Amino acid sequence: MTMTSPARLRAHHSEFVKHSISSRLPDILLSVVNEMPQIDQEGEHASKIKVAAKGLADGTFTITSINSSDGGPCWIEYCRANCGKTAYEVDWWFLENYVYRALMNWVDYFQTSLDPFQSHKRQSIEIGIKQLRQSNVHVDGKDYDSFYFHLLGCLWGNRADLSISAGKVGGHNLETDAHSLLVDDSKQVYQKLLQLQTPQFEGGSSSVVTIILDNCGTELLYDLIFVEYLLRTFPKISICLHCKSHPVFVSDALKVDVMTHIDELKTIGKAGSLSEYCDSGRLSLSEHDFYT
């Protein structure tokens, strides 16, 4: 059987890709200029971002090499085959990631740790907290149905974040959400968690469950509620949350974002034990450049 690589998308392959390069990415960059309070609208940082946004919009944006001199990860090898090419001549996946890495350079993120997407994240948290305040549903128990409800909450949180811009934030419905899944291995996961609680695991170190985080806001809030449920329900496990090492794709979660979300959940009386789990070591955070 011959394995072939997936097709690489470029601007000429799809109107969606072309729109994403010429409109969506420039809009994201300009929103940083407009909403990041530390940026001088007429200063050097803003100028670099505006030039990049214009170049993406008109097709003149050119790839240049990015080394680690700004304190961030080195992209020389990634850029080697693309230097000198325009946004429309490189793979879309490379371009998307390159623009976010370049933005970290343009705003001096690795020197200041000032997140260019902080205001975007704050807005998404406020939306998520508002939704949780309005939710009266509370499910607690060690049975599979309780586990499944919390797991589907995480999936719904992801859909809610994807639909915020269109105003299509709906309720969490166990039955309809379950029917929307293409693949569902939840029963196997639940059985594994139960197995880790059995006597043969007594006296040993706790088993670590790794959860890879994605977006801030509604999604991360529901993720953390699920995490608190798991730690409370399955006392022989610990959980490690994998975060991004620097801002990327606007809403992706950093370590500091996780702690902010935990604090916000406390204000509405949800997942109140997470700080204690952090202190005890049962909940930990990890980051790696692999995710960016």
C-alpha atoms as a PDB file:
ATOM      1  CA  MET A   1       0.000   0.000   0.000  1.00  0.00           C
ATOM      2  CA  THR A   2       1.473   3.334  -1.048  1.00  0.00           C
ATOM      3  CA  MET A   3       1.096   6.213   1.384  1.00  0.00           C
ATOM      4  CA  THR A   4       0.768   9.697  -0.063  1.00  0.00           C
ATOM      5  CA  SER A   5       1.164  13.005   1.702  1.00  0.00           C
ATOM      6  CA  PRO A   6      -1.949  15.149   2.093  1.00  0.00           C
ATOM      7  CA  ALA A   7      -2.384  17.912  -0.443  1.00  0.00           C
ATOM      8  CA  ARG A   8      -0.876  21.225   0.610  1.00  0.00           C
ATOM      9  CA  LEU A   9      -3.277  24.116   0.397  1.00  0.00           C
ATOM     10  CA  ARG A  10      -2.248  27.410  -1.174  1.00  0.00           C
ATOM     11  CA  ALA A  11      -4.213  30.500  -2.115  1.00  0.00           C
ATOM     12  CA  HIS A  12      -4.976  29.364  -5.654  1.00  0.00           C
ATOM     13  CA  HIS A  13      -6.521  26.111  -4.373  1.00  0.00           C
ATOM     14  CA  SER A  14      -9.484  27.653  -2.580  1.00  0.00           C
ATOM     15  CA  GLU A  15     -11.409  30.888  -2.284  1.00  0.00           C
ATOM     16  CA  PHE A  16     -11.584  30.240   1.459  1.00  0.00           C
ATOM     17  CA  VAL A  17      -7.803  30.058   1.713  1.00  0.00           C
ATOM     18  CA  LYS A  18      -7.422  33.181  -0.402  1.00  0.00           C
ATOM     19  CA  HIS A  19      -9.947  35.013   1.782  1.00  0.00           C
ATOM     20  CA  SER A  20      -8.190  33.827   4.931  1.00  0.00           C
ATOM     21  CA  ILE A  21      -4.864  35.209   3.715  1.00  0.00           C
ATOM     22  CA  SER A  22      -6.113  38.469   2.212  1.00  0.00           C
ATOM     23  CA  SER A  23      -8.810  39.342   4.759  1.00  0.00           C
ATOM     24  CA  ARG A  24      -8.920  37.276   7.965  1.00  0.00           C
ATOM     25  CA  LEU A  25      -5.212  37.432   8.836  1.00  0.00           C
ATOM     26  CA  PRO A  26      -4.953  41.192   8.135  1.00  0.00           C
ATOM     27  CA  ASP A  27      -8.035  41.774  10.300  1.00  0.00           C
ATOM     28  CA  ILE A  28      -6.437  39.828  13.156  1.00  0.00           C
ATOM     29  CA  LEU A  29      -3.204  41.813  12.891  1.00  0.00           C
ATOM     30  CA  LEU A  30      -5.011  45.163  12.807  1.00  0.00           C
ATOM     31  CA  SER A  31      -7.144  44.159  15.783  1.00  0.00           C
ATOM     32  CA  VAL A  32      -3.912  43.762  17.769  1.00  0.00           C
ATOM     33  CA  VAL A  33      -2.913  47.324  16.854  1.00  0.00           C
ATOM     34  CA  ASN A  34      -6.333  48.615  17.882  1.00  0.00           C
ATOM     35  CA  GLU A  35      -6.823  46.574  21.068  1.00  0.00           C
ATOM     36  CA  MET A  36      -3.362  46.058  22.596  1.00  0.00           C
ATOM     37  CA  PRO A  37      -3.074  49.036  24.956  1.00  0.00           C
ATOM     38  CA  GLN A  38       0.733  48.924  25.103  1.00  0.00           C
ATOM     39  CA  ILE A  39       1.070  49.633  21.368  1.00  0.00           C
ATOM     40  CA  ASP A  40       1.668  53.192  20.235  1.00  0.00           C
ATOM     41  CA  GLN A  41      -0.627  53.627  17.217  1.00  0.00           C
ATOM     42  CA  GLU A  42       2.051  55.643  15.446  1.00  0.00           C
ATOM     43  CA  GLY A  43       5.054  53.735  16.778  1.00  0.00           C
ATOM     44  CA  GLU A  44       7.439  51.164  15.304  1.00  0.00           C
ATOM     45  CA  HIS A  45       5.492  48.123  16.505  1.00  0.00           C
ATOM     46  CA  ALA A  46       2.237  49.317  14.996  1.00  0.00           C
ATOM     47  CA  SER A  47       4.003  50.242  11.763  1.00  0.00           C
ATOM     48  CA  LYS A  48       5.446  46.732  11.313  1.00  0.00           C
ATOM     49  CA  ILE A  49       2.049  45.140  11.917  1.00  0.00           C
ATOM     50  CA  LYS A  50       0.243  47.523   9.550  1.00  0.00           C
ATOM     51  CA  VAL A  51       2.797  46.909   6.794  1.00  0.00           C
ATOM     52  CA  ALA A  52       2.369  43.148   7.212  1.00  0.00           C
ATOM     53  CA  ALA A  53      -1.427  43.436   7.166  1.00  0.00           C
ATOM     54  CA  LYS A  54      -1.310  45.504   3.964  1.00  0.00           C
ATOM     55  CA  GLY A  55       1.129  43.049   2.360  1.00  0.00           C
ATOM     56  CA  LEU A  56      -1.135  40.087   3.166  1.00  0.00           C
ATOM     57  CA  ALA A  57      -4.119  41.939   1.752  1.00  0.00           C
ATOM     58  CA  ASP A  58      -2.474  42.897  -1.543  1.00  0.00           C
ATOM     59  CA  GLY A  59      -0.279  39.810  -1.972  1.00  0.00           C
ATOM     60  CA  THR A  60       3.103  41.473  -1.473  1.00  0.00           C
ATOM     61  CA  PHE A  61       3.871  40.047   1.983  1.00  0.00           C
ATOM     62  CA  THR A  62       7.224  38.246   1.784  1.00  0.00           C
ATOM     63  CA  ILE A  63       8.665  35.524   4.030  1.00  0.00           C
ATOM     64  CA  THR A  64      11.913  36.418   5.814  1.00  0.00           C
ATOM     65  CA  SER A  65      13.896  34.231   8.200  1.00  0.00           C
ATOM     66  CA  ILE A  66      13.212  34.402  11.945  1.00  0.00           C
ATOM     67  CA  ASN A  67      15.988  33.341  14.322  1.00  0.00           C
ATOM     68  CA  SER A  68      15.950  33.105  18.110  1.00  0.00           C
ATOM     69  CA  SER A  69      17.523  36.523  18.738  1.00  0.00           C
ATOM     70  CA  ASP A  70      14.201  37.799  20.111  1.00  0.00           C
ATOM     71  CA  GLY A  71      14.180  35.056  22.760  1.00  0.00           C
ATOM     72  CA  GLY A  72      11.622  32.909  20.979  1.00  0.00           C
ATOM     73  CA  PRO A  73      11.968  29.616  19.084  1.00  0.00           C
ATOM     74  CA  CYS A  74      14.235  29.599  16.047  1.00  0.00           C
ATOM     75  CA  TRP A  75      12.448  29.326  12.702  1.00  0.00           C
ATOM     76  CA  ILE A  76      15.482  29.359  10.397  1.00  0.00           C
ATOM     77  CA  GLU A  77      14.983  25.758   9.297  1.00  0.00           C
ATOM     78  CA  TYR A  78      11.235  26.231   8.793  1.00  0.00           C
ATOM     79  CA  CYS A  79      11.827  29.360   6.724  1.00  0.00           C
ATOM     80  CA  ARG A  80      14.743  28.096   4.655  1.00  0.00           C
ATOM     81  CA  ALA A  81      12.652  26.756   1.763  1.00  0.00           C
ATOM     82  CA  ASN A  82      10.252  29.716   1.819  1.00  0.00           C
ATOM     83  CA  CYS A  83      12.397  32.829   2.235  1.00  0.00           C
ATOM     84  CA  GLY A  84      11.690  35.381  -0.470  1.00  0.00           C
ATOM     85  CA  LYS A  85       8.343  33.848  -1.404  1.00  0.00           C
ATOM     86  CA  THR A  86       5.076  35.731  -1.057  1.00  0.00           C
ATOM     87  CA  ALA A  87       2.110  34.717   1.048  1.00  0.00           C
ATOM     88  CA  TYR A  88       0.400  33.261  -2.014  1.00  0.00           C
ATOM     89  CA  GLU A  89       3.397  31.074  -2.926  1.00  0.00           C
ATOM     90  CA  VAL A  90       3.795  29.154   0.358  1.00  0.00           C
ATOM     91  CA  ASP A  91       1.702  26.493   2.047  1.00  0.00           C
ATOM     92  CA  TRP A  92      -1.215  27.988   3.921  1.00  0.00           C
ATOM     93  CA  TRP A  93      -0.479  26.019   7.122  1.00  0.00           C
ATOM     94  CA  PHE A  94       3.087  27.340   7.158  1.00  0.00           C
ATOM     95  CA  LEU A  95       1.922  30.891   6.489  1.00  0.00           C
ATOM     96  CA  GLU A  96      -0.652  30.903   9.304  1.00  0.00           C
ATOM     97  CA  ASN A  97       1.904  29.745  11.858  1.00  0.00           C
ATOM     98  CA  TYR A  98       4.613  32.006  10.454  1.00  0.00           C
ATOM     99  CA  VAL A  99       2.469  35.130  10.804  1.00  0.00           C
ATOM    100  CA  TYR A 100       1.767  34.422  14.485  1.00  0.00           C
ATOM    101  CA  ARG A 101       5.454  33.705  15.158  1.00  0.00           C
ATOM    102  CA  ALA A 102       6.422  36.924  13.356  1.00  0.00           C
ATOM    103  CA  LEU A 103       3.827  38.885  15.330  1.00  0.00           C
ATOM    104  CA  MET A 104       5.516  37.800  18.574  1.00  0.00           C
ATOM    105  CA  ASN A 105       8.682  39.376  17.179  1.00  0.00           C
ATOM    106  CA  TRP A 106       6.946  42.584  16.097  1.00  0.00           C
ATOM    107  CA  VAL A 107       5.421  43.201  19.568  1.00  0.00           C
ATOM    108  CA  ASP A 108       8.552  42.118  21.535  1.00  0.00           C
ATOM    109  CA  TYR A 109       6.556  39.390  23.282  1.00  0.00           C
ATOM    110  CA  PHE A 110       9.597  37.371  24.372  1.00  0.00           C
ATOM    111  CA  GLN A 111      11.099  40.423  26.068  1.00  0.00           C
ATOM    112  CA  THR A 112       7.915  41.725  27.712  1.00  0.00           C
ATOM    113  CA  SER A 113       5.546  38.704  27.995  1.00  0.00           C
ATOM    114  CA  LEU A 114       2.739  41.079  26.980  1.00  0.00           C
ATOM    115  CA  ASP A 115       0.131  38.972  25.190  1.00  0.00           C
ATOM    116  CA  PRO A 116      -1.091  40.764  22.035  1.00  0.00           C
ATOM    117  CA  PHE A 117      -4.364  38.824  22.273  1.00  0.00           C
ATOM    118  CA  GLN A 118      -5.110  39.558  25.928  1.00  0.00           C
ATOM    119  CA  SER A 119      -8.154  41.717  25.182  1.00  0.00           C
ATOM    120  CA  HIS A 120      -9.542  39.061  22.828  1.00  0.00           C
ATOM    121  CA  LYS A 121      -9.129  36.434  25.536  1.00  0.00           C
ATOM    122  CA  ARG A 122     -10.750  38.661  28.164  1.00  0.00           C
ATOM    123  CA  GLN A 123     -13.808  39.074  25.957  1.00  0.00           C
ATOM    124  CA  SER A 124     -14.069  35.305  25.431  1.00  0.00           C
ATOM    125  CA  ILE A 125     -13.815  34.679  29.190  1.00  0.00           C
ATOM    126  CA  GLU A 126     -16.604  37.168  29.879  1.00  0.00           C
ATOM    127  CA  ILE A 127     -18.844  35.415  27.345  1.00  0.00           C
ATOM    128  CA  GLY A 128     -18.072  32.018  28.842  1.00  0.00           C
ATOM    129  CA  ILE A 129     -18.670  33.142  32.424  1.00  0.00           C
ATOM    130  CA  LYS A 130     -21.981  34.690  31.408  1.00  0.00           C
ATOM    131  CA  GLN A 131     -23.054  31.384  29.871  1.00  0.00           C
ATOM    132  CA  LEU A 132     -22.065  29.460  32.985  1.00  0.00           C
ATOM    133  CA  ARG A 133     -23.943  31.891  35.242  1.00  0.00           C
ATOM    134  CA  GLN A 134     -27.077  31.238  33.207  1.00  0.00           C
ATOM    135  CA  SER A 135     -26.651  27.463  33.361  1.00  0.00           C
ATOM    136  CA  ASN A 136     -28.511  25.742  36.174  1.00  0.00           C
ATOM    137  CA  VAL A 137     -27.467  22.232  35.155  1.00  0.00           C
ATOM    138  CA  HIS A 138     -25.358  20.412  37.728  1.00  0.00           C
ATOM    139  CA  VAL A 139     -24.410  16.766  37.265  1.00  0.00           C
ATOM    140  CA  ASP A 140     -22.241  14.997  39.824  1.00  0.00           C
ATOM    141  CA  GLY A 141     -21.517  11.305  40.286  1.00  0.00           C
ATOM    142  CA  LYS A 142     -19.051   8.525  39.589  1.00  0.00           C
ATOM    143  CA  ASP A 143     -21.250   6.778  37.027  1.00  0.00           C
ATOM    144  CA  TYR A 144     -20.586   6.780  33.299  1.00  0.00           C
ATOM    145  CA  ASP A 145     -23.461   9.164  32.498  1.00  0.00           C
ATOM    146  CA  SER A 146     -21.981  11.847  34.787  1.00  0.00           C
ATOM    147  CA  PHE A 147     -18.545  11.383  33.233  1.00  0.00           C
ATOM    148  CA  TYR A 148     -20.050  11.544  29.744  1.00  0.00           C
ATOM    149  CA  PHE A 149     -21.992  14.715  30.503  1.00  0.00           C
ATOM    150  CA  HIS A 150     -18.839  16.525  31.616  1.00  0.00           C
ATOM    151  CA  LEU A 151     -16.892  15.242  28.608  1.00  0.00           C
ATOM    152  CA  LEU A 152     -19.568  16.487  26.216  1.00  0.00           C
ATOM    153  CA  GLY A 153     -19.429  19.837  28.002  1.00  0.00           C
ATOM    154  CA  CYS A 154     -15.833  20.197  26.776  1.00  0.00           C
ATOM    155  CA  LEU A 155     -16.888  19.402  23.216  1.00  0.00           C
ATOM    156  CA  TRP A 156     -19.742  21.875  23.378  1.00  0.00           C
ATOM    157  CA  GLY A 157     -17.359  24.510  24.731  1.00  0.00           C
ATOM    158  CA  ASN A 158     -15.238  24.068  21.616  1.00  0.00           C
ATOM    159  CA  ARG A 159     -18.267  24.526  19.355  1.00  0.00           C
ATOM    160  CA  ALA A 160     -19.342  27.585  21.317  1.00  0.00           C
ATOM    161  CA  ASP A 161     -15.978  29.273  20.756  1.00  0.00           C
ATOM    162  CA  LEU A 162     -16.101  28.533  17.039  1.00  0.00           C
ATOM    163  CA  SER A 163     -19.546  30.116  16.750  1.00  0.00           C
ATOM    164  CA  ILE A 164     -19.121  33.218  18.899  1.00  0.00           C
ATOM    165  CA  SER A 165     -18.484  35.532  15.948  1.00  0.00           C
ATOM    166  CA  ALA A 166     -21.738  34.437  14.340  1.00  0.00           C
ATOM    167  CA  GLY A 167     -23.709  34.753  17.563  1.00  0.00           C
ATOM    168  CA  LYS A 168     -24.722  31.086  17.550  1.00  0.00           C
ATOM    169  CA  VAL A 169     -24.065  30.141  21.146  1.00  0.00           C
ATOM    170  CA  GLY A 170     -26.606  27.515  22.172  1.00  0.00           C
ATOM    171  CA  GLY A 171     -27.249  25.279  25.141  1.00  0.00           C
ATOM    172  CA  HIS A 172     -25.568  22.046  26.122  1.00  0.00           C
ATOM    173  CA  ASN A 173     -27.801  19.074  25.283  1.00  0.00           C
ATOM    174  CA  LEU A 174     -26.479  15.619  26.158  1.00  0.00           C
ATOM    175  CA  GLU A 175     -28.570  13.719  23.620  1.00  0.00           C
ATOM    176  CA  THR A 176     -28.101  15.970  20.599  1.00  0.00           C
ATOM    177  CA  ASP A 177     -24.398  16.523  21.293  1.00  0.00           C
ATOM    178  CA  ALA A 178     -23.839  12.752  21.513  1.00  0.00           C
ATOM    179  CA  HIS A 179     -25.476  12.208  18.129  1.00  0.00           C
ATOM    180  CA  SER A 180     -23.094  14.760  16.575  1.00  0.00           C
ATOM    181  CA  LEU A 181     -19.955  12.742  17.355  1.00  0.00           C
ATOM    182  CA  LEU A 182     -18.148  10.947  14.543  1.00  0.00           C
ATOM    183  CA  VAL A 183     -15.957   8.911  16.917  1.00  0.00           C
ATOM    184  CA  ASP A 184     -16.759   8.164  20.559  1.00  0.00           C
ATOM    185  CA  ASP A 185     -14.247   6.271  22.715  1.00  0.00           C
ATOM    186  CA  SER A 186     -15.631   7.636  25.971  1.00  0.00           C
ATOM    187  CA  LYS A 187     -16.602   4.250  27.393  1.00  0.00           C
ATOM    188  CA  GLN A 188     -13.081   2.904  26.935  1.00  0.00           C
ATOM    189  CA  VAL A 189     -11.656   6.008  28.620  1.00  0.00           C
ATOM    190  CA  TYR A 190     -14.111   5.716  31.495  1.00  0.00           C
ATOM    191  CA  GLN A 191     -13.271   2.043  32.011  1.00  0.00           C
ATOM    192  CA  LYS A 192      -9.544   2.871  32.030  1.00  0.00           C
ATOM    193  CA  LEU A 193     -10.098   5.533  34.690  1.00  0.00           C
ATOM    194  CA  LEU A 194     -12.018   3.004  36.800  1.00  0.00           C
ATOM    195  CA  GLN A 195      -9.227   0.472  36.345  1.00  0.00           C
ATOM    196  CA  LEU A 196      -6.726   2.971  37.737  1.00  0.00           C
ATOM    197  CA  GLN A 197      -8.742   3.071  40.973  1.00  0.00           C
ATOM    198  CA  THR A 198      -8.518  -0.697  41.613  1.00  0.00           C
ATOM    199  CA  PRO A 199      -6.446  -2.211  44.493  1.00  0.00           C
ATOM    200  CA  GLN A 200      -3.548  -3.368  42.289  1.00  0.00           C
ATOM    201  CA  PHE A 201      -2.666   0.293  41.762  1.00  0.00           C
ATOM    202  CA  GLU A 202      -2.501   1.062  45.500  1.00  0.00           C
ATOM    203  CA  GLY A 203       0.865   2.080  46.888  1.00  0.00           C
ATOM    204  CA  GLY A 204       2.248   3.170  43.546  1.00  0.00           C
ATOM    205  CA  SER A 205       2.573   6.612  42.064  1.00  0.00           C
ATOM    206  CA  SER A 206      -0.604   8.113  40.649  1.00  0.00           C
ATOM    207  CA  SER A 207      -1.275   7.756  36.947  1.00  0.00           C
ATOM    208  CA  VAL A 208      -0.970  10.951  34.934  1.00  0.00           C
ATOM    209  CA  VAL A 209      -3.752  11.925  32.551  1.00  0.00           C
ATOM    210  CA  THR A 210      -2.584  14.410  29.902  1.00  0.00           C
ATOM    211  CA  ILE A 211      -5.060  16.895  28.442  1.00  0.00           C
ATOM    212  CA  ILE A 212      -3.992  19.132  25.549  1.00  0.00           C
ATOM    213  CA  LEU A 213      -5.671  22.521  25.787  1.00  0.00           C
ATOM    214  CA  ASP A 214      -6.852  24.657  22.913  1.00  0.00           C
ATOM    215  CA  ASN A 215      -8.923  27.840  23.199  1.00  0.00           C
ATOM    216  CA  CYS A 216      -9.494  30.278  26.026  1.00  0.00           C
ATOM    217  CA  GLY A 217     -13.021  31.310  26.961  1.00  0.00           C
ATOM    218  CA  THR A 218     -15.990  28.958  26.995  1.00  0.00           C
ATOM    219  CA  GLU A 219     -13.908  25.986  25.887  1.00  0.00           C
ATOM    220  CA  LEU A 220     -11.232  26.290  28.584  1.00  0.00           C
ATOM    221  CA  LEU A 221     -13.808  27.010  31.287  1.00  0.00           C
ATOM    222  CA  TYR A 222     -15.613  23.759  30.493  1.00  0.00           C
ATOM    223  CA  ASP A 223     -12.284  21.926  30.244  1.00  0.00           C
ATOM    224  CA  LEU A 224     -11.392  23.043  33.771  1.00  0.00           C
ATOM    225  CA  ILE A 225     -14.787  22.033  35.145  1.00  0.00           C
ATOM    226  CA  PHE A 226     -14.179  18.598  33.624  1.00  0.00           C
ATOM    227  CA  VAL A 227     -10.658  18.487  35.106  1.00  0.00           C
ATOM    228  CA  GLU A 228     -11.981  19.282  38.572  1.00  0.00           C
ATOM    229  CA  TYR A 229     -14.625  16.578  38.187  1.00  0.00           C
ATOM    230  CA  LEU A 230     -11.984  14.004  37.166  1.00  0.00           C
ATOM    231  CA  LEU A 231      -9.651  14.802  40.055  1.00  0.00           C
ATOM    232  CA  ARG A 232     -12.495  14.697  42.557  1.00  0.00           C
ATOM    233  CA  THR A 233     -14.060  11.519  41.160  1.00  0.00           C
ATOM    234  CA  PHE A 234     -10.888   9.515  40.462  1.00  0.00           C
ATOM    235  CA  PRO A 235      -8.541  10.145  43.419  1.00  0.00           C
ATOM    236  CA  LYS A 236      -5.712   7.939  42.111  1.00  0.00           C
ATOM    237  CA  ILE A 237      -4.995  10.070  39.056  1.00  0.00           C
ATOM    238  CA  SER A 238      -3.173  13.331  38.535  1.00  0.00           C
ATOM    239  CA  ILE A 239      -3.646  15.576  35.512  1.00  0.00           C
ATOM    240  CA  CYS A 240      -1.149  17.521  33.436  1.00  0.00           C
ATOM    241  CA  LEU A 241      -2.533  20.262  31.199  1.00  0.00           C
ATOM    242  CA  HIS A 242      -0.461  20.989  28.100  1.00  0.00           C
ATOM    243  CA  CYS A 243      -0.507  24.668  27.072  1.00  0.00           C
ATOM    244  CA  LYS A 244       1.001  26.710  24.275  1.00  0.00           C
ATOM    245  CA  SER A 245       4.440  28.203  24.983  1.00  0.00           C
ATOM    246  CA  HIS A 246       3.542  31.574  23.434  1.00  0.00           C
ATOM    247  CA  PRO A 247       0.410  33.211  21.991  1.00  0.00           C
ATOM    248  CA  VAL A 248      -0.791  31.736  18.705  1.00  0.00           C
ATOM    249  CA  PHE A 249      -4.091  31.548  16.816  1.00  0.00           C
ATOM    250  CA  VAL A 250      -5.516  34.385  18.940  1.00  0.00           C
ATOM    251  CA  SER A 251      -7.291  32.418  21.678  1.00  0.00           C
ATOM    252  CA  ASP A 252      -4.909  29.517  22.370  1.00  0.00           C
ATOM    253  CA  ALA A 253      -4.275  28.989  26.074  1.00  0.00           C
ATOM    254  CA  LEU A 254      -1.020  29.775  27.891  1.00  0.00           C
ATOM    255  CA  LYS A 255      -0.170  28.806  31.478  1.00  0.00           C
ATOM    256  CA  VAL A 256      -1.139  32.260  32.704  1.00  0.00           C
ATOM    257  CA  ASP A 257      -4.479  31.981  30.916  1.00  0.00           C
ATOM    258  CA  VAL A 258      -5.267  28.735  32.745  1.00  0.00           C
ATOM    259  CA  MET A 259      -4.729  30.385  36.116  1.00  0.00           C
ATOM    260  CA  THR A 260      -6.886  33.355  35.054  1.00  0.00           C
ATOM    261  CA  HIS A 261      -9.713  31.004  34.097  1.00  0.00           C
ATOM    262  CA  ILE A 262      -9.406  29.146  37.417  1.00  0.00           C
ATOM    263  CA  ASP A 263      -9.755  32.455  39.272  1.00  0.00           C
ATOM    264  CA  GLU A 264     -12.785  33.400  37.177  1.00  0.00           C
ATOM    265  CA  LEU A 265     -14.487  30.074  37.910  1.00  0.00           C
ATOM    266  CA  LYS A 266     -14.054  30.752  41.639  1.00  0.00           C
ATOM    267  CA  THR A 267     -16.078  33.948  41.317  1.00  0.00           C
ATOM    268  CA  ILE A 268     -19.149  31.954  40.244  1.00  0.00           C
ATOM    269  CA  GLY A 269     -18.611  29.071  42.655  1.00  0.00           C
ATOM    270  CA  LYS A 270     -17.489  26.469  40.124  1.00  0.00           C
ATOM    271  CA  ALA A 271     -14.460  24.135  40.155  1.00  0.00           C
ATOM    272  CA  GLY A 272     -13.339  25.697  43.416  1.00  0.00           C
ATOM    273  CA  SER A 273     -10.843  22.935  44.287  1.00  0.00           C
ATOM    274  CA  LEU A 274      -8.543  23.483  41.310  1.00  0.00           C
ATOM    275  CA  SER A 275      -6.137  25.759  43.191  1.00  0.00           C
ATOM    276  CA  GLU A 276      -5.812  23.142  45.931  1.00  0.00           C
ATOM    277  CA  TYR A 277      -5.090  20.471  43.344  1.00  0.00           C
ATOM    278  CA  CYS A 278      -2.377  22.724  41.891  1.00  0.00           C
ATOM    279  CA  ASP A 279      -0.850  23.172  45.354  1.00  0.00           C
ATOM    280  CA  SER A 280      -0.908  19.434  46.055  1.00  0.00           C
ATOM    281  CA  GLY A 281       0.678  18.576  42.698  1.00  0.00           C
ATOM    282  CA  ARG A 282      -2.259  16.564  41.383  1.00  0.00           C
ATOM    283  CA  LEU A 283      -2.846  19.265  38.774  1.00  0.00           C
ATOM    284  CA  SER A 284       0.149  20.569  36.838  1.00  0.00           C
ATOM    285  CA  LEU A 285       0.774  22.668  33.736  1.00  0.00           C
ATOM    286  CA  SER A 286       3.272  22.047  30.975  1.00  0.00           C
ATOM    287  CA  GLU A 287       4.230  23.910  27.813  1.00  0.00           C
ATOM    288  CA  HIS A 288       6.282  23.069  24.732  1.00  0.00           C
ATOM    289  CA  ASP A 289       7.207  24.795  21.490  1.00  0.00           C
ATOM    290  CA  PHE A 290       5.811  21.755  19.654  1.00  0.00           C
ATOM    291  CA  TYR A 291       2.307  23.209  20.040  1.00  0.00           C
ATOM    292  CA  THR A 292       3.268  26.519  18.427  1.00  0.00           C
END
